């Protein structure tokens, strides 16, 4: 993976035209993984809920997960605003809004989305037109709704629905087997995606907006190391060891700029490390829609960057309004590359305090920031699963501390133990 990414960068610098032609390799890999996300989420969530003998446990686990999601994403949004005010990456550009060429933006981005006019409309958008329509559209929130409803009914039916649970478990094993095959293609996908990015935009395009990129990457690292690191420390676990345990998945996310590309593998590894399967199957799919810490940091930081670049002074009320809207829109951003930019456009359209045309300033560098968004989202969901599992007393503490714990001697865990937990659980390919 690392070799593929390095070769992609070299090709992008030496032969930009050839590098741009590699785009189908990256897009194809992400589409291959994405086509499995909806069925994987549906089957794992239904089986997970059906496996909980007490339906109250489902609601309790879900409520705790949502509380944690809301806490971390709100904190991430607030940190983005604070850093934007402290560093002011857009100050000094003095861009005239009337001179911006908005023709480069897709016309769909300039129109406010139907789900942003009010809470009722947003809720209605979560309901699919048909049962299979949600799978056809690949709408994660709609699939989650169907999975929760199906899981609750299946759990209530008990033995009468056992045959359906067996079928879904078999389907889940098949899906994870397909994922295992596709992951062997990840270096090719990462090569294509990274080559296209460097070849299309060039490393030289970063110079004028390097400050924003550096601030965003620094803020993301700060959030992961301080917020998520301290959270794991309170659990007696090590962030460094967690990152080492998930290093293969992190490399895939880095190359493809999509946290969804490693979703099935993340679920399997968290089950292997000691998290209860029913918690993993509930928290991870929900987290990919409701717990996007990296996207949250990007949304507030980029919004205020555009405002500063256009010399727009936002009042406290306008910033509070922006924050409140982002609390809603950030929950619907998918984990696919580029979704953060679309969500940002929809948010600015809804608030009206910052011209959407100002996003043209970000077009050249947004793709370079998507890696940090995806990586932060990915780590945030891994930590959230460990937190909720411990909160629910559904964590194999001895096993997880053997693999990820902070040893008193400061030495890393045994290589054999780490290797034995690094693969897919039985039946997952």
Protein backbone atom coordinates (compact mmCIF):
# COMPACT_ATOMS: atom_id res chain seq x y z
CA UNK A 1 0.00 0.00 0.00
CA UNK A 2 2.70 2.48 1.02
CA UNK A 3 4.75 1.58 -2.06
CA UNK A 4 1.69 2.09 -4.28
CA UNK A 5 1.01 5.53 -2.76
CA UNK A 6 4.67 6.56 -3.17
CA UNK A 7 4.71 5.44 -6.81
CA UNK A 8 1.45 7.32 -7.41
CA UNK A 9 2.95 10.56 -6.12
CA UNK A 10 6.04 10.10 -8.30
CA UNK A 11 3.89 9.42 -11.36
CA UNK A 12 1.73 12.46 -10.63
CA UNK A 13 4.80 14.69 -10.53
CA UNK A 14 6.65 13.15 -13.48
CA UNK A 15 3.75 12.33 -15.81
CA UNK A 16 0.60 14.24 -14.78
CA UNK A 17 -1.35 13.17 -17.88
CA UNK A 18 -0.69 9.50 -17.24
CA UNK A 19 -1.53 9.96 -13.57
CA UNK A 20 -4.92 11.52 -14.32
CA UNK A 21 -5.68 8.53 -16.55
CA UNK A 22 -5.34 6.30 -13.48
CA UNK A 23 -8.55 7.74 -11.98
CA UNK A 24 -10.73 4.72 -12.90
CA UNK A 25 -8.54 2.46 -10.74
CA UNK A 26 -9.30 4.47 -7.61
CA UNK A 27 -12.95 5.09 -8.41
CA UNK A 28 -13.48 1.46 -9.32
CA UNK A 29 -12.07 0.18 -6.03
CA UNK A 30 -14.17 2.57 -3.94
CA UNK A 31 -17.28 1.61 -5.92
CA UNK A 32 -16.56 -2.08 -5.39
CA UNK A 33 -16.38 -1.55 -1.64
CA UNK A 34 -19.29 0.87 -1.57
CA UNK A 35 -21.61 -1.60 -3.32
CA UNK A 36 -21.23 -3.92 -0.30
CA UNK A 37 -21.69 -1.29 2.44
CA UNK A 38 -25.51 -1.28 2.47
CA UNK A 39 -25.94 -5.09 2.64
CA UNK A 40 -23.07 -5.42 5.15
CA UNK A 41 -24.61 -2.77 7.42
CA UNK A 42 -28.10 -4.27 7.10
CA UNK A 43 -27.10 -7.87 7.80
CA UNK A 44 -24.71 -7.10 10.64
CA UNK A 45 -27.10 -4.71 12.36
CA UNK A 46 -30.11 -7.04 12.08
CA UNK A 47 -28.09 -10.01 13.35
CA UNK A 48 -26.61 -7.86 16.12
CA UNK A 49 -30.00 -6.64 17.36
CA UNK A 50 -31.51 -10.12 17.03
CA UNK A 51 -28.65 -11.46 19.14
CA UNK A 52 -29.55 -9.15 22.02
CA UNK A 53 -31.95 -11.09 24.20
CA UNK A 54 -33.29 -7.93 25.81
CA UNK A 55 -34.58 -5.27 23.42
CA UNK A 56 -33.98 -2.69 26.13
CA UNK A 57 -30.28 -3.38 25.66
CA UNK A 58 -30.59 -2.31 22.02
CA UNK A 59 -32.14 1.01 22.97
CA UNK A 60 -29.70 1.51 25.81
CA UNK A 61 -26.66 0.80 23.62
CA UNK A 62 -28.00 3.00 20.83
CA UNK A 63 -28.74 5.86 23.23
CA UNK A 64 -25.26 5.70 24.73
CA UNK A 65 -23.71 5.62 21.26
CA UNK A 66 -25.71 8.68 20.17
CA UNK A 67 -24.76 10.55 23.34
CA UNK A 68 -21.09 9.88 22.66
CA UNK A 69 -21.46 10.76 18.97
CA UNK A 70 -23.12 14.06 19.81
CA UNK A 71 -20.47 14.91 22.40
CA UNK A 72 -17.47 14.26 20.15
CA UNK A 73 -18.87 15.82 16.97
CA UNK A 74 -20.01 18.94 18.84
CA UNK A 75 -16.56 19.17 20.39
CA UNK A 76 -14.97 18.74 16.95
CA UNK A 77 -17.16 21.51 15.49
CA UNK A 78 -16.27 23.81 18.40
CA UNK A 79 -12.56 23.05 18.04
CA UNK A 80 -12.77 23.91 14.33
CA UNK A 81 -14.30 27.30 15.14
CA UNK A 82 -11.76 27.99 17.90
CA UNK A 83 -8.77 27.15 15.70
CA UNK A 84 -10.17 29.25 12.84
CA UNK A 85 -10.39 32.27 15.16
CA UNK A 86 -6.98 31.61 16.68
CA UNK A 87 -4.99 31.04 13.48
CA UNK A 88 -7.22 32.91 10.98
CA UNK A 89 -5.99 30.98 7.91
CA UNK A 90 -8.12 33.02 5.48
CA UNK A 91 -7.14 36.47 6.76
CA UNK A 92 -5.19 38.60 4.35
CA UNK A 93 -6.50 37.07 1.12
CA UNK A 94 -9.08 39.89 0.62
CA UNK A 95 -10.95 38.08 -2.15
CA UNK A 96 -13.85 40.04 -3.70
CA UNK A 97 -16.93 37.82 -3.72
CA UNK A 98 -18.25 39.39 -6.94
CA UNK A 99 -15.11 38.30 -8.77
CA UNK A 100 -15.50 34.64 -7.86
CA UNK A 101 -16.31 32.34 -10.76
CA UNK A 102 -18.98 29.97 -9.47
CA UNK A 103 -19.27 28.18 -12.82
CA UNK A 104 -16.76 25.61 -11.59
CA UNK A 105 -19.22 24.49 -8.94
CA UNK A 106 -21.86 21.94 -9.78
CA UNK A 107 -25.26 23.62 -10.02
CA UNK A 108 -26.63 21.13 -7.52
CA UNK A 109 -24.25 22.49 -4.88
CA UNK A 110 -25.59 26.00 -5.28
CA UNK A 111 -29.19 24.99 -4.54
CA UNK A 112 -30.21 24.38 -0.95
CA UNK A 113 -31.09 20.77 -0.31
CA UNK A 114 -34.69 19.91 0.56
CA UNK A 115 -33.65 18.39 3.86
CA UNK A 116 -32.12 21.60 5.23
CA UNK A 117 -35.23 23.75 5.56
CA UNK A 118 -36.35 22.31 8.85
CA UNK A 119 -36.20 19.43 11.26
CA UNK A 120 -39.36 17.79 9.87
CA UNK A 121 -38.00 17.76 6.33
CA UNK A 122 -34.72 16.29 7.54
CA UNK A 123 -36.53 13.49 9.36
CA UNK A 124 -38.72 12.74 6.34
CA UNK A 125 -35.61 12.38 4.19
CA UNK A 126 -34.58 9.44 6.37
CA UNK A 127 -37.60 7.43 5.22
CA UNK A 128 -36.99 5.54 1.94
CA UNK A 129 -39.57 5.49 -0.84
CA UNK A 130 -39.48 1.70 -0.77
CA UNK A 131 -37.73 -1.04 1.18
CA UNK A 132 -35.23 -1.78 -1.56
CA UNK A 133 -35.01 1.86 -2.61
CA UNK A 134 -32.67 2.56 0.29
CA UNK A 135 -30.27 -0.14 -0.95
CA UNK A 136 -30.48 1.11 -4.54
CA UNK A 137 -29.61 4.66 -3.46
CA UNK A 138 -27.01 3.51 -0.94
CA UNK A 139 -28.37 5.96 1.64
CA UNK A 140 -26.76 4.88 4.91
CA UNK A 141 -29.31 6.56 7.18
CA UNK A 142 -32.22 4.93 5.37
CA UNK A 143 -30.54 1.52 5.52
CA UNK A 144 -29.96 2.03 9.25
CA UNK A 145 -33.66 2.75 9.77
CA UNK A 146 -34.70 -0.41 7.91
CA UNK A 147 -32.11 -2.50 9.74
CA UNK A 148 -33.21 -1.31 13.18
CA UNK A 149 -36.89 -1.94 12.42
CA UNK A 150 -36.14 -5.39 10.98
CA UNK A 151 -33.84 -6.31 13.87
CA UNK A 152 -36.40 -5.30 16.50
CA UNK A 153 -39.16 -7.35 14.85
CA UNK A 154 -36.89 -10.36 14.34
CA UNK A 155 -35.85 -10.19 18.00
CA UNK A 156 -39.49 -10.13 19.10
CA UNK A 157 -40.39 -13.12 16.92
CA UNK A 158 -37.69 -15.20 18.58
CA UNK A 159 -37.51 -18.80 17.33
CA UNK A 160 -40.04 -18.13 14.57
CA UNK A 161 -37.49 -15.90 12.83
CA UNK A 162 -34.48 -18.13 13.51
CA UNK A 163 -34.38 -19.27 9.88
CA UNK A 164 -34.12 -15.66 8.69
CA UNK A 165 -31.32 -14.94 11.16
CA UNK A 166 -29.43 -18.00 9.88
CA UNK A 167 -29.81 -16.77 6.30
CA UNK A 168 -28.56 -13.29 7.23
CA UNK A 169 -25.59 -14.76 9.12
CA UNK A 170 -24.68 -16.83 6.06
CA UNK A 171 -25.09 -13.77 3.83
CA UNK A 172 -22.88 -11.80 6.21
CA UNK A 173 -20.13 -14.42 5.94
CA UNK A 174 -20.36 -14.31 2.15
CA UNK A 175 -20.17 -10.52 2.12
CA UNK A 176 -17.11 -10.49 4.37
CA UNK A 177 -15.55 -13.11 2.11
CA UNK A 178 -16.08 -10.81 -0.88
CA UNK A 179 -14.56 -7.94 1.11
CA UNK A 180 -11.52 -10.10 1.84
CA UNK A 181 -11.03 -10.65 -1.89
CA UNK A 182 -11.53 -6.99 -2.77
CA UNK A 183 -9.09 -5.81 -0.11
CA UNK A 184 -6.33 -7.55 -2.05
CA UNK A 185 -6.95 -4.94 -4.74
CA UNK A 186 -6.53 -2.04 -2.31
CA UNK A 187 -2.97 -1.14 -3.41
CA UNK A 188 -4.21 -0.76 -7.00
CA UNK A 189 -7.13 1.39 -5.83
CA UNK A 190 -4.90 3.54 -3.66
CA UNK A 191 -2.43 3.98 -6.52
CA UNK A 192 -5.14 5.16 -8.91
CA UNK A 193 -6.75 7.56 -6.43
CA UNK A 194 -3.50 9.17 -5.29
CA UNK A 195 -2.04 9.39 -8.81
CA UNK A 196 -5.17 11.19 -10.05
CA UNK A 197 -5.09 13.66 -7.15
CA UNK A 198 -1.45 14.65 -7.65
CA UNK A 199 -1.65 14.58 -11.46
CA UNK A 200 -4.88 16.60 -11.62
CA UNK A 201 -4.10 19.31 -9.09
CA UNK A 202 -0.33 19.13 -8.84
CA UNK A 203 1.74 19.70 -5.74
CA UNK A 204 2.25 23.31 -6.82
CA UNK A 205 -1.43 24.13 -6.28
CA UNK A 206 -0.91 23.66 -2.58
CA UNK A 207 1.40 26.60 -2.09
CA UNK A 208 -1.21 29.38 -2.04
CA UNK A 209 -3.52 27.53 0.35
CA UNK A 210 -0.92 25.53 2.24
CA UNK A 211 -1.75 27.35 5.47
CA UNK A 212 -5.32 26.06 5.50
CA UNK A 213 -4.20 22.52 4.73
CA UNK A 214 -1.55 22.64 7.47
CA UNK A 215 -4.03 24.08 9.98
CA UNK A 216 -6.61 21.41 9.16
CA UNK A 217 -4.14 18.54 9.37
CA UNK A 218 -2.72 19.95 12.61
CA UNK A 219 -6.20 20.32 14.12
CA UNK A 220 -7.12 16.77 13.12
CA UNK A 221 -3.95 15.40 14.68
CA UNK A 222 -4.62 17.47 17.81
CA UNK A 223 -8.14 16.09 18.08
CA UNK A 224 -7.00 12.49 17.64
CA UNK A 225 -4.05 12.73 20.02
CA UNK A 226 -5.69 14.85 22.74
CA UNK A 227 -9.41 14.10 22.69
CA UNK A 228 -9.37 10.51 21.46
CA UNK A 229 -6.01 9.74 23.06
CA UNK A 230 -7.15 10.92 26.51
CA UNK A 231 -10.40 8.98 26.07
CA UNK A 232 -8.47 5.77 25.47
CA UNK A 233 -6.12 6.62 28.34
CA UNK A 234 -9.13 6.77 30.67
CA UNK A 235 -9.97 3.24 29.51
CA UNK A 236 -6.41 2.14 30.22
CA UNK A 237 -5.65 1.78 26.52
CA UNK A 238 -3.03 3.23 24.18
CA UNK A 239 -3.82 5.27 21.09
CA UNK A 240 -0.49 4.31 19.53
CA UNK A 241 -1.26 0.62 19.91
CA UNK A 242 -4.76 1.05 18.50
CA UNK A 243 -3.33 2.80 15.45
CA UNK A 244 -0.76 0.02 15.10
CA UNK A 245 -3.47 -2.62 15.33
CA UNK A 246 -5.48 -0.88 12.60
CA UNK A 247 -2.48 0.11 10.47
CA UNK A 248 -3.60 -1.89 7.42
CA UNK A 249 -7.06 -0.31 7.45
CA UNK A 250 -5.60 3.16 8.00
CA UNK A 251 -3.40 2.73 4.94
CA UNK A 252 -6.42 1.78 2.83
CA UNK A 253 -8.30 4.84 4.08
CA UNK A 254 -5.28 7.05 3.37
CA UNK A 255 -5.00 5.83 -0.19
CA UNK A 256 -8.69 5.94 -1.09
CA UNK A 257 -9.69 8.99 1.01
CA UNK A 258 -12.79 7.06 2.05
CA UNK A 259 -13.38 5.74 5.56
CA UNK A 260 -16.08 3.43 4.19
CA UNK A 261 -13.46 1.48 2.23
CA UNK A 262 -12.30 -0.15 5.49
CA UNK A 263 -15.66 -0.41 7.31
CA UNK A 264 -16.11 -4.22 7.12
CA UNK A 265 -12.52 -4.88 8.15
CA UNK A 266 -12.80 -2.42 11.06
CA UNK A 267 -15.86 -4.24 12.38
CA UNK A 268 -14.10 -7.59 12.18
CA UNK A 269 -10.97 -6.34 13.97
CA UNK A 270 -12.90 -4.67 16.79
CA UNK A 271 -14.78 -7.92 17.41
CA UNK A 272 -11.45 -9.77 17.41
CA UNK A 273 -9.88 -7.37 19.91
CA UNK A 274 -12.59 -7.90 22.52
CA UNK A 275 -15.64 -5.74 21.72
CA UNK A 276 -18.99 -7.54 21.86
CA UNK A 277 -20.22 -8.32 18.32
CA UNK A 278 -23.70 -6.92 19.00
CA UNK A 279 -22.20 -3.60 20.11
CA UNK A 280 -19.82 -3.41 17.15
CA UNK A 281 -22.63 -4.17 14.70
CA UNK A 282 -24.75 -1.39 16.16
CA UNK A 283 -22.18 1.34 16.85
CA UNK A 284 -19.96 1.17 13.75
CA UNK A 285 -22.73 1.46 11.10
CA UNK A 286 -24.41 4.26 13.07
CA UNK A 287 -21.06 5.98 13.59
CA UNK A 288 -20.41 6.19 9.87
CA UNK A 289 -23.40 8.52 9.62
CA UNK A 290 -23.51 10.21 13.02
CA UNK A 291 -19.91 10.27 14.24
CA UNK A 292 -17.78 12.04 11.63
CA UNK A 293 -15.28 13.96 13.74
CA UNK A 294 -12.89 14.82 10.91
CA UNK A 295 -15.72 16.09 8.71
CA UNK A 296 -17.01 18.21 11.60
CA UNK A 297 -13.63 19.89 12.06
CA UNK A 298 -13.41 20.53 8.32
CA UNK A 299 -16.90 22.02 8.08
CA UNK A 300 -16.40 24.78 10.66
CA UNK A 301 -12.77 25.47 9.77
CA UNK A 302 -13.50 25.71 6.03
CA UNK A 303 -16.61 27.84 6.59
CA UNK A 304 -14.73 30.44 8.62
CA UNK A 305 -11.78 30.30 6.19
CA UNK A 306 -14.10 31.32 3.34
CA UNK A 307 -15.63 34.06 5.49
CA UNK A 308 -12.18 35.42 6.42
CA UNK A 309 -10.97 35.26 2.81
CA UNK A 310 -14.01 37.26 1.68
CA UNK A 311 -13.62 39.74 4.57
CA UNK A 312 -17.01 38.77 5.98
CA UNK A 313 -17.34 39.43 9.69
CA UNK A 314 -19.75 36.97 11.27
CA UNK A 315 -21.59 38.00 14.40
CA UNK A 316 -21.84 35.67 17.38
CA UNK A 317 -25.43 34.92 16.39
CA UNK A 318 -24.42 34.00 12.84
CA UNK A 319 -21.66 31.70 14.07
CA UNK A 320 -24.07 30.09 16.53
CA UNK A 321 -26.59 29.62 13.72
CA UNK A 322 -23.87 28.05 11.57
CA UNK A 323 -22.94 25.71 14.42
CA UNK A 324 -26.54 24.65 14.99
CA UNK A 325 -27.10 23.91 11.30
CA UNK A 326 -23.84 21.94 11.18
CA UNK A 327 -24.96 19.88 14.17
CA UNK A 328 -27.69 18.62 11.85
CA UNK A 329 -26.03 18.49 8.44
CA UNK A 330 -22.80 16.92 9.70
CA UNK A 331 -24.78 13.85 10.80
CA UNK A 332 -25.84 13.12 7.25
CA UNK A 333 -22.40 13.31 5.63
CA UNK A 334 -21.39 9.94 4.27
CA UNK A 335 -17.89 8.50 4.59
CA UNK A 336 -17.23 8.68 0.85
CA UNK A 337 -14.52 10.93 -0.57
CA UNK A 338 -15.86 14.40 -1.42
CA UNK A 339 -19.00 14.21 0.73
CA UNK A 340 -17.61 16.80 3.16
CA UNK A 341 -17.44 19.41 0.38
CA UNK A 342 -21.05 18.70 -0.65
CA UNK A 343 -22.23 18.94 2.95
CA UNK A 344 -20.38 22.25 3.33
CA UNK A 345 -22.07 23.63 0.21
CA UNK A 346 -25.50 22.57 1.46
CA UNK A 347 -24.83 24.14 4.88
CA UNK A 348 -23.75 27.50 3.45
CA UNK A 349 -26.82 27.48 1.22
CA UNK A 350 -29.03 26.92 4.26
CA UNK A 351 -27.49 29.63 6.46
CA UNK A 352 -26.97 32.29 3.79
CA UNK A 353 -24.37 34.17 5.84
CA UNK A 354 -21.45 33.05 3.63
CA UNK A 355 -21.70 32.98 -0.21
CA UNK A 356 -21.59 29.44 -1.58
CA UNK A 357 -19.52 30.77 -4.48
CA UNK A 358 -16.69 31.19 -1.95
CA UNK A 359 -16.21 27.44 -2.09
CA UNK A 360 -14.37 27.92 -5.37
CA UNK A 361 -11.41 28.86 -3.17
CA UNK A 362 -11.39 25.30 -1.85
CA UNK A 363 -11.84 23.40 -5.11
CA UNK A 364 -8.14 22.96 -5.76
CA UNK A 365 -7.26 21.69 -2.31
CA UNK A 366 -10.36 19.93 -1.00
CA UNK A 367 -9.16 16.61 -2.33
CA UNK A 368 -5.91 16.97 -0.36
CA UNK A 369 -7.85 17.47 2.86
CA UNK A 370 -10.15 14.49 2.36
CA UNK A 371 -7.46 12.10 3.61
CA UNK A 372 -7.36 13.78 7.02
CA UNK A 373 -11.16 13.84 7.18
CA UNK A 374 -11.42 10.14 6.41
CA UNK A 375 -8.63 9.10 8.79
CA UNK A 376 -10.05 11.13 11.69
CA UNK A 377 -13.55 9.76 11.06
CA UNK A 378 -12.17 6.23 11.00
CA UNK A 379 -10.23 6.51 14.26
CA UNK A 380 -13.14 8.32 15.92
CA UNK A 381 -15.50 5.43 15.18
CA UNK A 382 -13.01 2.86 16.44
CA UNK A 383 -12.65 4.76 19.72
CA UNK A 384 -16.43 5.24 19.99
CA UNK A 385 -16.95 1.48 19.76
CA UNK A 386 -14.45 0.83 22.54
CA UNK A 387 -16.07 3.52 24.71
CA UNK A 388 -19.63 2.23 24.24
CA UNK A 389 -18.51 -1.38 24.72
CA UNK A 390 -16.86 -0.46 28.03
CA UNK A 391 -19.87 1.67 29.03
CA UNK A 392 -22.13 -1.31 28.39
CA UNK A 393 -19.78 -3.74 30.19
CA UNK A 394 -19.54 -5.62 26.88
CA UNK A 395 -15.77 -5.36 26.53
CA UNK A 396 -13.34 -8.21 27.10
CA UNK A 397 -11.10 -6.01 29.24
CA UNK A 398 -8.36 -8.60 29.72
CA UNK A 399 -8.05 -9.29 26.00
CA UNK A 400 -8.23 -5.69 24.82
CA UNK A 401 -5.68 -4.54 27.41
CA UNK A 402 -3.34 -7.34 26.39
CA UNK A 403 -3.43 -6.05 22.83
CA UNK A 404 -4.03 -2.32 23.25
CA UNK A 405 -3.42 -1.60 26.93
CA UNK A 406 -0.81 0.71 28.42
CA UNK A 407 1.74 -1.72 29.83
CA UNK A 408 3.46 -0.63 33.02
CA UNK A 409 6.82 -1.48 31.53
CA UNK A 410 6.10 0.61 28.48
CA UNK A 411 6.86 -2.35 26.20
CA UNK A 412 4.61 -3.18 23.25
CA UNK A 413 2.34 -6.23 23.43
CA UNK A 414 3.54 -9.57 22.22
CA UNK A 415 3.76 -9.78 18.45
CA UNK A 416 2.09 -13.17 18.48
CA UNK A 417 -0.95 -11.85 20.31
CA UNK A 418 -1.26 -8.90 17.98
CA UNK A 419 -0.96 -11.11 14.93
CA UNK A 420 -3.57 -13.56 16.16
CA UNK A 421 -6.13 -10.80 16.55
CA UNK A 422 -5.26 -9.00 13.37
CA UNK A 423 -7.30 -11.16 11.01
CA UNK A 424 -10.98 -11.59 10.39
CA UNK A 425 -13.02 -13.49 12.97
CA UNK A 426 -14.04 -17.02 11.99
CA UNK A 427 -16.42 -16.98 9.05
CA UNK A 428 -15.45 -13.49 7.96
CA UNK A 429 -12.99 -14.45 5.28
